[in-house]
Amino acid sequence: MESVSLTGSPSVVSREQLLRLMVAQLQNQNPLEPVSSQEFFGQLSQMLMVESLERLRTGLEAMVPQLGPEATALATLAGFVGRTILVETPTGPVQARVDGVRLVEGQWRLTSGQQDIDPALIRGMLEN
C-alpha cells in the first residue's frame, strides 16, 4: 500500500493534493467493493469546485486593491445581506431584513424590499 502525505497548511488543500488523494483511493480500493461511479464523480466535482473557488479567490484578491475604498465599503455592506438589522427612523428604531446592496447617486445603500437604507442609520444587527 502506497502512502500519501499531504504538506502545507492544514486548512488549504491544493489541487495536486486532492488528485493524489483520489489516485491513492483508486489504487487502494477493495476490488470486491469498488467506489461507485456516482461517488467518484461526486468527489471529482468537489475537486473541480475547489479549484474554481481558488481561481475566483485569486482573481478577487488581485482586483480588490485596484478598486480601493469602494470595494471595502461594498464588501462590508454585503455582509448584511440576509440579516435583520435595527435601523434608526424619525419615529424610532425599526427592524429590516436586508435583501441587497445598490448604488444610489454615488452612495452605497442597503435594500429591504423597495426601501433603501442609509448604512449610517444602522443601529445594530439582530440574531437570525
C-alpha atoms as a PDB file:
ATOM      1  CA  MET A   1       0.000   0.000   0.000  1.00  0.00           C
ATOM      2  CA  GLU A   2       1.497   3.355  -1.078  1.00  0.00           C
ATOM      3  CA  SER A   3       1.270   6.115   1.487  1.00  0.00           C
ATOM      4  CA  VAL A   4       0.249   9.618   0.511  1.00  0.00           C
ATOM      5  CA  SER A   5       1.366  12.523   2.615  1.00  0.00           C
ATOM      6  CA  LEU A   6      -0.074  15.992   2.402  1.00  0.00           C
ATOM      7  CA  THR A   7       2.100  19.004   3.048  1.00  0.00           C
ATOM      8  CA  GLY A   8       1.279  22.647   3.629  1.00  0.00           C
ATOM      9  CA  SER A   9      -1.292  24.394   5.714  1.00  0.00           C
ATOM     10  CA  PRO A  10      -3.936  22.035   7.143  1.00  0.00           C
ATOM     11  CA  SER A  11      -6.719  24.427   6.105  1.00  0.00           C
ATOM     12  CA  VAL A  12      -5.625  24.742   2.466  1.00  0.00           C
ATOM     13  CA  VAL A  13      -5.635  21.714   0.174  1.00  0.00           C
ATOM     14  CA  SER A  14      -4.181  22.147  -3.288  1.00  0.00           C
ATOM     15  CA  ARG A  15      -5.457  20.604  -6.486  1.00  0.00           C
ATOM     16  CA  GLU A  16      -2.418  18.318  -6.621  1.00  0.00           C
ATOM     17  CA  GLN A  17      -3.124  17.097  -3.103  1.00  0.00           C
ATOM     18  CA  LEU A  18      -6.733  16.312  -3.997  1.00  0.00           C
ATOM     19  CA  LEU A  19      -5.605  14.438  -7.108  1.00  0.00           C
ATOM     20  CA  ARG A  20      -3.092  12.422  -5.057  1.00  0.00           C
ATOM     21  CA  LEU A  21      -5.828  11.508  -2.601  1.00  0.00           C
ATOM     22  CA  MET A  22      -8.163  10.393  -5.386  1.00  0.00           C
ATOM     23  CA  VAL A  23      -5.459   8.319  -7.091  1.00  0.00           C
ATOM     24  CA  ALA A  24      -4.492   6.721  -3.761  1.00  0.00           C
ATOM     25  CA  GLN A  25      -8.145   5.931  -3.117  1.00  0.00           C
ATOM     26  CA  LEU A  26      -8.498   4.278  -6.530  1.00  0.00           C
ATOM     27  CA  GLN A  27      -5.251   2.299  -6.136  1.00  0.00           C
ATOM     28  CA  ASN A  28      -6.140   1.063  -2.674  1.00  0.00           C
ATOM     29  CA  GLN A  29      -9.828   0.363  -3.034  1.00  0.00           C
ATOM     30  CA  ASN A  30     -11.199  -3.065  -2.371  1.00  0.00           C
ATOM     31  CA  PRO A  31     -11.675  -4.721  -5.803  1.00  0.00           C
ATOM     32  CA  LEU A  32     -14.724  -6.547  -4.464  1.00  0.00           C
ATOM     33  CA  GLU A  33     -16.322  -3.261  -3.358  1.00  0.00           C
ATOM     34  CA  PRO A  34     -15.010  -0.526  -5.667  1.00  0.00           C
ATOM     35  CA  VAL A  35     -16.018   3.097  -5.269  1.00  0.00           C
ATOM     36  CA  SER A  36     -19.260   3.677  -7.118  1.00  0.00           C
ATOM     37  CA  SER A  37     -19.076   5.864 -10.212  1.00  0.00           C
ATOM     38  CA  GLN A  38     -21.578   8.231  -8.583  1.00  0.00           C
ATOM     39  CA  GLU A  39     -19.329   8.670  -5.528  1.00  0.00           C
ATOM     40  CA  PHE A  40     -16.225   9.042  -7.696  1.00  0.00           C
ATOM     41  CA  PHE A  41     -17.813  11.715  -9.891  1.00  0.00           C
ATOM     42  CA  GLY A  42     -19.127  13.453  -6.778  1.00  0.00           C
ATOM     43  CA  GLN A  43     -15.566  13.666  -5.463  1.00  0.00           C
ATOM     44  CA  LEU A  44     -14.314  14.827  -8.850  1.00  0.00           C
ATOM     45  CA  SER A  45     -16.941  17.576  -8.991  1.00  0.00           C
ATOM     46  CA  GLN A  46     -15.973  18.672  -5.479  1.00  0.00           C
ATOM     47  CA  MET A  47     -12.357  18.893  -6.592  1.00  0.00           C
ATOM     48  CA  LEU A  48     -13.339  20.989  -9.603  1.00  0.00           C
ATOM     49  CA  MET A  49     -15.431  23.241  -7.340  1.00  0.00           C
ATOM     50  CA  VAL A  50     -12.462  23.767  -5.005  1.00  0.00           C
ATOM     51  CA  GLU A  51     -10.282  24.654  -7.981  1.00  0.00           C
ATOM     52  CA  SER A  52     -12.887  27.092  -9.329  1.00  0.00           C
ATOM     53  CA  LEU A  53     -13.258  28.769  -5.948  1.00  0.00           C
ATOM     54  CA  GLU A  54      -9.489  29.083  -5.642  1.00  0.00           C
ATOM     55  CA  ARG A  55      -9.296  30.798  -9.052  1.00  0.00           C
ATOM     56  CA  LEU A  56     -12.147  33.113  -8.063  1.00  0.00           C
ATOM     57  CA  ARG A  57     -10.444  33.986  -4.770  1.00  0.00           C
ATOM     58  CA  THR A  58      -7.157  34.698  -6.548  1.00  0.00           C
ATOM     59  CA  GLY A  59      -8.917  36.906  -9.091  1.00  0.00           C
ATOM     60  CA  LEU A  60     -10.772  38.839  -6.396  1.00  0.00           C
ATOM     61  CA  GLU A  61      -7.605  39.340  -4.358  1.00  0.00           C
ATOM     62  CA  ALA A  62      -5.918  40.818  -7.415  1.00  0.00           C
ATOM     63  CA  MET A  63      -8.886  43.056  -8.140  1.00  0.00           C
ATOM     64  CA  VAL A  64      -9.601  44.492  -4.668  1.00  0.00           C
ATOM     65  CA  PRO A  65      -6.520  46.763  -4.424  1.00  0.00           C
ATOM     66  CA  GLN A  66      -7.445  48.314  -7.761  1.00  0.00           C
ATOM     67  CA  LEU A  67     -10.984  49.078  -6.575  1.00  0.00           C
ATOM     68  CA  GLY A  68      -9.908  50.907  -3.404  1.00  0.00           C
ATOM     69  CA  PRO A  69     -12.266  52.093  -0.665  1.00  0.00           C
ATOM     70  CA  GLU A  70     -15.361  51.400  -2.794  1.00  0.00           C
ATOM     71  CA  ALA A  71     -14.621  47.677  -2.695  1.00  0.00           C
ATOM     72  CA  THR A  72     -14.143  47.755   1.069  1.00  0.00           C
ATOM     73  CA  ALA A  73     -17.463  49.558   1.581  1.00  0.00           C
ATOM     74  CA  LEU A  74     -19.276  47.153  -0.725  1.00  0.00           C
ATOM     75  CA  ALA A  75     -17.730  44.096   0.935  1.00  0.00           C
ATOM     76  CA  THR A  76     -18.732  45.389   4.364  1.00  0.00           C
ATOM     77  CA  LEU A  77     -22.311  46.093   3.304  1.00  0.00           C
ATOM     78  CA  ALA A  78     -22.601  42.746   1.511  1.00  0.00           C
ATOM     79  CA  GLY A  79     -22.131  41.121   4.924  1.00  0.00           C
ATOM     80  CA  PHE A  80     -25.544  42.498   5.946  1.00  0.00           C
ATOM     81  CA  VAL A  81     -27.431  40.738   3.109  1.00  0.00           C
ATOM     82  CA  GLY A  82     -29.813  38.146   4.505  1.00  0.00           C
ATOM     83  CA  ARG A  83     -29.540  39.575   8.027  1.00  0.00           C
ATOM     84  CA  THR A  84     -32.061  41.535  10.080  1.00  0.00           C
ATOM     85  CA  ILE A  85     -30.843  44.947  11.186  1.00  0.00           C
ATOM     86  CA  LEU A  86     -32.101  47.659  13.504  1.00  0.00           C
ATOM     87  CA  VAL A  87     -32.480  50.984  11.652  1.00  0.00           C
ATOM     88  CA  GLU A  88     -32.975  54.415  13.236  1.00  0.00           C
ATOM     89  CA  THR A  89     -36.003  56.280  11.829  1.00  0.00           C
ATOM     90  CA  PRO A  90     -37.711  59.563  12.848  1.00  0.00           C
ATOM     91  CA  THR A  91     -40.336  57.514  14.724  1.00  0.00           C
ATOM     92  CA  GLY A  92     -37.810  55.241  16.440  1.00  0.00           C
ATOM     93  CA  PRO A  93     -35.863  52.080  15.638  1.00  0.00           C
ATOM     94  CA  VAL A  94     -37.317  49.582  13.155  1.00  0.00           C
ATOM     95  CA  GLN A  95     -36.273  46.104  12.110  1.00  0.00           C
ATOM     96  CA  ALA A  96     -35.491  45.465   8.435  1.00  0.00           C
ATOM     97  CA  ARG A  97     -34.332  42.343   6.628  1.00  0.00           C
ATOM     98  CA  VAL A  98     -31.576  43.271   4.178  1.00  0.00           C
ATOM     99  CA  ASP A  99     -32.019  41.701   0.746  1.00  0.00           C
ATOM    100  CA  GLY A 100     -29.417  43.564  -1.299  1.00  0.00           C
ATOM    101  CA  VAL A 101     -26.953  46.381  -1.836  1.00  0.00           C
ATOM    102  CA  ARG A 102     -27.147  49.019  -4.561  1.00  0.00           C
ATOM    103  CA  LEU A 103     -25.510  52.257  -5.596  1.00  0.00           C
ATOM    104  CA  VAL A 104     -27.775  55.317  -5.303  1.00  0.00           C
ATOM    105  CA  GLU A 105     -26.375  58.635  -6.529  1.00  0.00           C
ATOM    106  CA  GLY A 106     -22.815  57.529  -5.838  1.00  0.00           C
ATOM    107  CA  GLN A 107     -23.588  56.173  -2.342  1.00  0.00           C
ATOM    108  CA  TRP A 108     -23.943  52.518  -1.367  1.00  0.00           C
ATOM    109  CA  ARG A 109     -27.304  51.684   0.173  1.00  0.00           C
ATOM    110  CA  LEU A 110     -28.761  48.525   1.646  1.00  0.00           C
ATOM    111  CA  THR A 111     -32.133  47.443   0.308  1.00  0.00           C
ATOM    112  CA  SER A 112     -35.062  45.917   2.137  1.00  0.00           C
ATOM    113  CA  GLY A 113     -37.902  45.283  -0.265  1.00  0.00           C
ATOM    114  CA  GLN A 114     -38.432  48.592  -2.085  1.00  0.00           C
ATOM    115  CA  GLN A 115     -36.739  50.654   0.657  1.00  0.00           C
ATOM    116  CA  ASP A 116     -33.180  51.970   0.501  1.00  0.00           C
ATOM    117  CA  ILE A 117     -31.376  52.126   3.850  1.00  0.00           C
ATOM    118  CA  ASP A 118     -28.548  54.544   4.575  1.00  0.00           C
ATOM    119  CA  PRO A 119     -25.821  52.499   6.329  1.00  0.00           C
ATOM    120  CA  ALA A 120     -25.241  55.419   8.733  1.00  0.00           C
ATOM    121  CA  LEU A 121     -28.694  54.734  10.219  1.00  0.00           C
ATOM    122  CA  ILE A 122     -27.892  51.143  11.224  1.00  0.00           C
ATOM    123  CA  ARG A 123     -28.015  50.788  14.997  1.00  0.00           C
ATOM    124  CA  GLY A 124     -27.436  47.056  15.271  1.00  0.00           C
ATOM    125  CA  MET A 125     -27.856  43.608  13.800  1.00  0.00           C
ATOM    126  CA  LEU A 126     -30.264  41.050  15.242  1.00  0.00           C
ATOM    127  CA  GLU A 127     -29.646  37.322  15.522  1.00  0.00           C
ATOM    128  CA  ASN A 128     -31.313  35.384  12.698  1.00  0.00           C
END
